[in-house]
Amino acid sequence: MLTETASLSQLASNIRVILIYLLCQTIKFVCVSSCVCVRSYLTPVRDEESESQRKARSRQARQSRRSTQLYEQILAENEKLKAQLRDTDLELADLKLQLEKATQRQERYADRSQLEMEKRERRALERKISEMEEELKMLPDLKADNQRLKDENGALIRVISKLSK
């Protein structure tokens, strides 16, 4: 029961507020007998809330246009950067391929030059071996010559010692 009374009193106060609002609205306009509405002599009251809302909407629209333009600019720049990145990646892949080919070429040349050096060394060693073999073949002759010279030397020493006595 108490709640019904409270809700009835609240309803009554709401009805009073609505009636006061309607009364204020009818005072602003006076209807003439020819059914043409004419403004009363009251000065028009600017609706501050609606003007601030209009300004807010206008500000929001400007910001939205600016942010849209900025977003489009950023997207365009992003696309340019992506294109540059793709180009750079392609260039990098090309340079890696060129580097790999160059190192393979260099390795082949190095292998070739190394093979040539090994061949030269082998030839030089073969020459030395053949020279040493020739010297080895001459060794018995040299030993024989050496022995002959020793014998002659000994004979000369004996002759000189007999002469000196």
C-alpha atoms as a PDB file:
ATOM      1  CA  MET A   1       0.000   0.000   0.000  1.00  0.00           C
ATOM      2  CA  LEU A   2       2.827   2.278   0.853  1.00  0.00           C
ATOM      3  CA  THR A   3       4.482   1.569  -2.463  1.00  0.00           C
ATOM      4  CA  GLU A   4       1.228   2.277  -4.342  1.00  0.00           C
ATOM      5  CA  THR A   5       0.996   5.685  -2.685  1.00  0.00           C
ATOM      6  CA  ALA A   6       4.615   6.466  -3.516  1.00  0.00           C
ATOM      7  CA  SER A   7       4.172   5.465  -7.133  1.00  0.00           C
ATOM      8  CA  LEU A   8       0.934   7.499  -7.404  1.00  0.00           C
ATOM      9  CA  SER A   9       2.634  10.596  -5.997  1.00  0.00           C
ATOM     10  CA  GLN A  10       5.515  10.131  -8.427  1.00  0.00           C
ATOM     11  CA  LEU A  11       3.074   9.728 -11.297  1.00  0.00           C
ATOM     12  CA  ALA A  12       1.281  12.902 -10.266  1.00  0.00           C
ATOM     13  CA  SER A  13       4.533  14.845 -10.128  1.00  0.00           C
ATOM     14  CA  ASN A  14       5.463  13.557 -13.600  1.00  0.00           C
ATOM     15  CA  ILE A  15       2.062  14.655 -14.942  1.00  0.00           C
ATOM     16  CA  ARG A  16       2.601  18.132 -13.431  1.00  0.00           C
ATOM     17  CA  VAL A  17       5.991  18.424 -15.144  1.00  0.00           C
ATOM     18  CA  ILE A  18       4.470  17.423 -18.490  1.00  0.00           C
ATOM     19  CA  LEU A  19       1.586  19.911 -18.088  1.00  0.00           C
ATOM     20  CA  ILE A  20       3.997  22.708 -17.245  1.00  0.00           C
ATOM     21  CA  TYR A  21       6.052  21.861 -20.332  1.00  0.00           C
ATOM     22  CA  LEU A  22       2.974  21.856 -22.576  1.00  0.00           C
ATOM     23  CA  LEU A  23       1.792  25.143 -21.109  1.00  0.00           C
ATOM     24  CA  CYS A  24       5.185  26.705 -21.824  1.00  0.00           C
ATOM     25  CA  GLN A  25       5.025  25.490 -25.398  1.00  0.00           C
ATOM     26  CA  THR A  26       1.571  26.971 -25.970  1.00  0.00           C
ATOM     27  CA  ILE A  27       2.641  30.303 -24.533  1.00  0.00           C
ATOM     28  CA  LYS A  28       5.405  30.601 -27.091  1.00  0.00           C
ATOM     29  CA  PHE A  29       2.954  30.472 -29.990  1.00  0.00           C
ATOM     30  CA  VAL A  30      -0.377  32.195 -30.188  1.00  0.00           C
ATOM     31  CA  CYS A  31      -2.815  30.916 -32.707  1.00  0.00           C
ATOM     32  CA  VAL A  32      -4.830  33.585 -34.536  1.00  0.00           C
ATOM     33  CA  SER A  33      -8.409  33.032 -35.772  1.00  0.00           C
ATOM     34  CA  SER A  34      -7.204  32.591 -39.378  1.00  0.00           C
ATOM     35  CA  CYS A  35      -5.169  29.592 -38.219  1.00  0.00           C
ATOM     36  CA  VAL A  36      -1.892  31.327 -38.956  1.00  0.00           C
ATOM     37  CA  CYS A  37       0.605  30.815 -36.196  1.00  0.00           C
ATOM     38  CA  VAL A  38       2.427  33.938 -35.140  1.00  0.00           C
ATOM     39  CA  ARG A  39       5.211  34.169 -32.651  1.00  0.00           C
ATOM     40  CA  SER A  40       4.371  35.790 -29.399  1.00  0.00           C
ATOM     41  CA  TYR A  41       6.169  38.817 -28.160  1.00  0.00           C
ATOM     42  CA  LEU A  42       8.489  36.721 -26.062  1.00  0.00           C
ATOM     43  CA  THR A  43      12.127  36.828 -27.151  1.00  0.00           C
ATOM     44  CA  PRO A  44      13.268  33.574 -28.658  1.00  0.00           C
ATOM     45  CA  VAL A  45      15.403  31.539 -26.357  1.00  0.00           C
ATOM     46  CA  ARG A  46      18.349  29.916 -27.960  1.00  0.00           C
ATOM     47  CA  ASP A  47      18.531  26.258 -27.331  1.00  0.00           C
ATOM     48  CA  GLU A  48      22.080  26.018 -25.949  1.00  0.00           C
ATOM     49  CA  GLU A  49      22.039  22.274 -25.748  1.00  0.00           C
ATOM     50  CA  SER A  50      21.127  21.761 -29.383  1.00  0.00           C
ATOM     51  CA  GLU A  51      23.728  24.339 -30.499  1.00  0.00           C
ATOM     52  CA  SER A  52      26.433  22.638 -28.479  1.00  0.00           C
ATOM     53  CA  GLN A  53      25.308  19.320 -29.934  1.00  0.00           C
ATOM     54  CA  ARG A  54      25.455  20.824 -33.432  1.00  0.00           C
ATOM     55  CA  LYS A  55      28.962  22.128 -32.740  1.00  0.00           C
ATOM     56  CA  ALA A  56      29.979  18.760 -31.361  1.00  0.00           C
ATOM     57  CA  ARG A  57      28.590  16.969 -34.425  1.00  0.00           C
ATOM     58  CA  SER A  58      30.356  19.451 -36.699  1.00  0.00           C
ATOM     59  CA  ARG A  59      33.632  19.020 -34.796  1.00  0.00           C
ATOM     60  CA  GLN A  60      33.231  15.265 -34.907  1.00  0.00           C
ATOM     61  CA  ALA A  61      32.529  15.366 -38.666  1.00  0.00           C
ATOM     62  CA  ARG A  62      35.670  17.484 -39.240  1.00  0.00           C
ATOM     63  CA  GLN A  63      37.742  15.116 -37.136  1.00  0.00           C
ATOM     64  CA  SER A  64      36.237  12.174 -38.966  1.00  0.00           C
ATOM     65  CA  ARG A  65      37.129  13.727 -42.343  1.00  0.00           C
ATOM     66  CA  ARG A  66      40.637  14.523 -41.110  1.00  0.00           C
ATOM     67  CA  SER A  67      41.124  11.069 -39.665  1.00  0.00           C
ATOM     68  CA  THR A  68      39.756   9.508 -42.874  1.00  0.00           C
ATOM     69  CA  GLN A  69      42.167  11.570 -44.946  1.00  0.00           C
ATOM     70  CA  LEU A  70      45.012  10.713 -42.582  1.00  0.00           C
ATOM     71  CA  TYR A  71      44.026   7.040 -42.701  1.00  0.00           C
ATOM     72  CA  GLU A  72      44.004   7.107 -46.515  1.00  0.00           C
ATOM     73  CA  GLN A  73      47.392   8.842 -46.560  1.00  0.00           C
ATOM     74  CA  ILE A  74      48.810   6.267 -44.158  1.00  0.00           C
ATOM     75  CA  LEU A  75      47.367   3.443 -46.276  1.00  0.00           C
ATOM     76  CA  ALA A  76      48.913   4.925 -49.423  1.00  0.00           C
ATOM     77  CA  GLU A  77      52.275   5.343 -47.692  1.00  0.00           C
ATOM     78  CA  ASN A  78      51.995   1.818 -46.313  1.00  0.00           C
ATOM     79  CA  GLU A  79      51.393   0.459 -49.820  1.00  0.00           C
ATOM     80  CA  LYS A  80      54.402   2.398 -51.122  1.00  0.00           C
ATOM     81  CA  LEU A  81      56.550   0.982 -48.328  1.00  0.00           C
ATOM     82  CA  LYS A  82      55.287  -2.540 -49.027  1.00  0.00           C
ATOM     83  CA  ALA A  83      56.152  -2.099 -52.712  1.00  0.00           C
ATOM     84  CA  GLN A  84      59.623  -0.825 -51.762  1.00  0.00           C
ATOM     85  CA  LEU A  85      60.047  -3.786 -49.399  1.00  0.00           C
ATOM     86  CA  ARG A  86      59.082  -6.233 -52.148  1.00  0.00           C
ATOM     87  CA  ASP A  87      61.516  -4.530 -54.543  1.00  0.00           C
ATOM     88  CA  THR A  88      64.243  -4.627 -51.902  1.00  0.00           C
ATOM     89  CA  ASP A  89      63.548  -8.298 -51.196  1.00  0.00           C
ATOM     90  CA  LEU A  90      63.791  -9.089 -54.921  1.00  0.00           C
ATOM     91  CA  GLU A  91      67.012  -7.109 -55.188  1.00  0.00           C
ATOM     92  CA  LEU A  92      68.392  -8.887 -52.122  1.00  0.00           C
ATOM     93  CA  ALA A  93      67.537 -12.290 -53.580  1.00  0.00           C
ATOM     94  CA  ASP A  94      69.184 -11.274 -56.869  1.00  0.00           C
ATOM     95  CA  LEU A  95      72.308 -10.067 -55.060  1.00  0.00           C
ATOM     96  CA  LYS A  96      72.473 -13.294 -53.039  1.00  0.00           C
ATOM     97  CA  LEU A  97      72.249 -15.279 -56.263  1.00  0.00           C
ATOM     98  CA  GLN A  98      74.987 -13.173 -57.849  1.00  0.00           C
ATOM     99  CA  LEU A  99      77.155 -13.591 -54.751  1.00  0.00           C
ATOM    100  CA  GLU A 100      76.650 -17.339 -54.768  1.00  0.00           C
ATOM    101  CA  LYS A 101      77.537 -17.527 -58.469  1.00  0.00           C
ATOM    102  CA  ALA A 102      80.620 -15.362 -57.893  1.00  0.00           C
ATOM    103  CA  THR A 103      81.812 -17.524 -54.995  1.00  0.00           C
ATOM    104  CA  GLN A 104      81.266 -20.678 -57.053  1.00  0.00           C
ATOM    105  CA  ARG A 105      83.200 -19.110 -59.919  1.00  0.00           C
ATOM    106  CA  GLN A 106      85.944 -18.058 -57.536  1.00  0.00           C
ATOM    107  CA  GLU A 107      86.054 -21.544 -56.016  1.00  0.00           C
ATOM    108  CA  ARG A 108      86.308 -23.036 -59.499  1.00  0.00           C
ATOM    109  CA  TYR A 109      89.102 -20.624 -60.379  1.00  0.00           C
ATOM    110  CA  ALA A 110      90.753 -21.284 -57.045  1.00  0.00           C
ATOM    111  CA  ASP A 111      90.427 -25.009 -57.643  1.00  0.00           C
ATOM    112  CA  ARG A 112      91.821 -24.578 -61.134  1.00  0.00           C
ATOM    113  CA  SER A 113      94.689 -22.410 -59.950  1.00  0.00           C
ATOM    114  CA  GLN A 114      95.322 -24.790 -57.088  1.00  0.00           C
ATOM    115  CA  LEU A 115      95.313 -27.702 -59.513  1.00  0.00           C
ATOM    116  CA  GLU A 116      97.700 -25.815 -61.775  1.00  0.00           C
ATOM    117  CA  MET A 117      99.960 -25.074 -58.813  1.00  0.00           C
ATOM    118  CA  GLU A 118      99.862 -28.722 -57.771  1.00  0.00           C
ATOM    119  CA  LYS A 119     100.657 -29.748 -61.335  1.00  0.00           C
ATOM    120  CA  ARG A 120     103.608 -27.329 -61.431  1.00  0.00           C
ATOM    121  CA  GLU A 121     104.852 -28.619 -58.087  1.00  0.00           C
ATOM    122  CA  ARG A 122     104.449 -32.197 -59.283  1.00  0.00           C
ATOM    123  CA  ARG A 123     106.380 -31.429 -62.466  1.00  0.00           C
ATOM    124  CA  ALA A 124     109.115 -29.727 -60.448  1.00  0.00           C
ATOM    125  CA  LEU A 125     109.305 -32.689 -58.091  1.00  0.00           C
ATOM    126  CA  GLU A 126     109.372 -35.103 -61.012  1.00  0.00           C
ATOM    127  CA  ARG A 127     112.243 -33.093 -62.530  1.00  0.00           C
ATOM    128  CA  LYS A 128     114.136 -33.230 -59.234  1.00  0.00           C
ATOM    129  CA  ILE A 129     113.487 -36.962 -58.981  1.00  0.00           C
ATOM    130  CA  SER A 130     114.756 -37.517 -62.523  1.00  0.00           C
ATOM    131  CA  GLU A 131     117.826 -35.365 -61.780  1.00  0.00           C
ATOM    132  CA  MET A 132     118.477 -37.327 -58.594  1.00  0.00           C
ATOM    133  CA  GLU A 133     118.053 -40.590 -60.475  1.00  0.00           C
ATOM    134  CA  GLU A 134     120.610 -39.346 -63.009  1.00  0.00           C
ATOM    135  CA  GLU A 135     122.911 -38.459 -60.141  1.00  0.00           C
ATOM    136  CA  LEU A 136     122.327 -41.897 -58.641  1.00  0.00           C
ATOM    137  CA  LYS A 137     123.238 -43.467 -61.964  1.00  0.00           C
ATOM    138  CA  MET A 138     126.432 -41.393 -61.977  1.00  0.00           C
ATOM    139  CA  LEU A 139     127.221 -42.269 -58.343  1.00  0.00           C
ATOM    140  CA  PRO A 140     129.117 -45.517 -59.050  1.00  0.00           C
ATOM    141  CA  ASP A 141     131.157 -43.681 -61.706  1.00  0.00           C
ATOM    142  CA  LEU A 142     131.860 -40.909 -59.219  1.00  0.00           C
ATOM    143  CA  LYS A 143     132.845 -43.458 -56.562  1.00  0.00           C
ATOM    144  CA  ALA A 144     135.175 -45.099 -58.998  1.00  0.00           C
ATOM    145  CA  ASP A 145     136.655 -41.711 -59.960  1.00  0.00           C
ATOM    146  CA  ASN A 146     136.977 -40.840 -56.282  1.00  0.00           C
ATOM    147  CA  GLN A 147     138.758 -44.088 -55.520  1.00  0.00           C
ATOM    148  CA  ARG A 148     141.061 -43.604 -58.512  1.00  0.00           C
ATOM    149  CA  LEU A 149     141.836 -40.050 -57.361  1.00  0.00           C
ATOM    150  CA  LYS A 150     142.568 -41.335 -53.834  1.00  0.00           C
ATOM    151  CA  ASP A 151     144.872 -43.928 -55.227  1.00  0.00           C
ATOM    152  CA  GLU A 152     146.637 -41.332 -57.398  1.00  0.00           C
ATOM    153  CA  ASN A 153     146.829 -38.986 -54.435  1.00  0.00           C
ATOM    154  CA  GLY A 154     148.394 -41.716 -52.319  1.00  0.00           C
ATOM    155  CA  ALA A 155     150.859 -42.512 -55.088  1.00  0.00           C
ATOM    156  CA  LEU A 156     151.787 -38.840 -55.421  1.00  0.00           C
ATOM    157  CA  ILE A 157     152.267 -38.519 -51.680  1.00  0.00           C
ATOM    158  CA  ARG A 158     154.598 -41.528 -51.748  1.00  0.00           C
ATOM    159  CA  VAL A 159     156.551 -40.062 -54.669  1.00  0.00           C
ATOM    160  CA  ILE A 160     156.858 -36.699 -52.935  1.00  0.00           C
ATOM    161  CA  SER A 161     157.941 -38.337 -49.673  1.00  0.00           C
ATOM    162  CA  LYS A 162     160.644 -40.388 -51.492  1.00  0.00           C
ATOM    163  CA  LEU A 163     161.856 -37.274 -53.248  1.00  0.00           C
ATOM    164  CA  SER A 164     161.997 -35.296 -50.109  1.00  0.00           C
ATOM    165  CA  LYS A 165     164.146 -37.942 -48.339  1.00  0.00           C
END
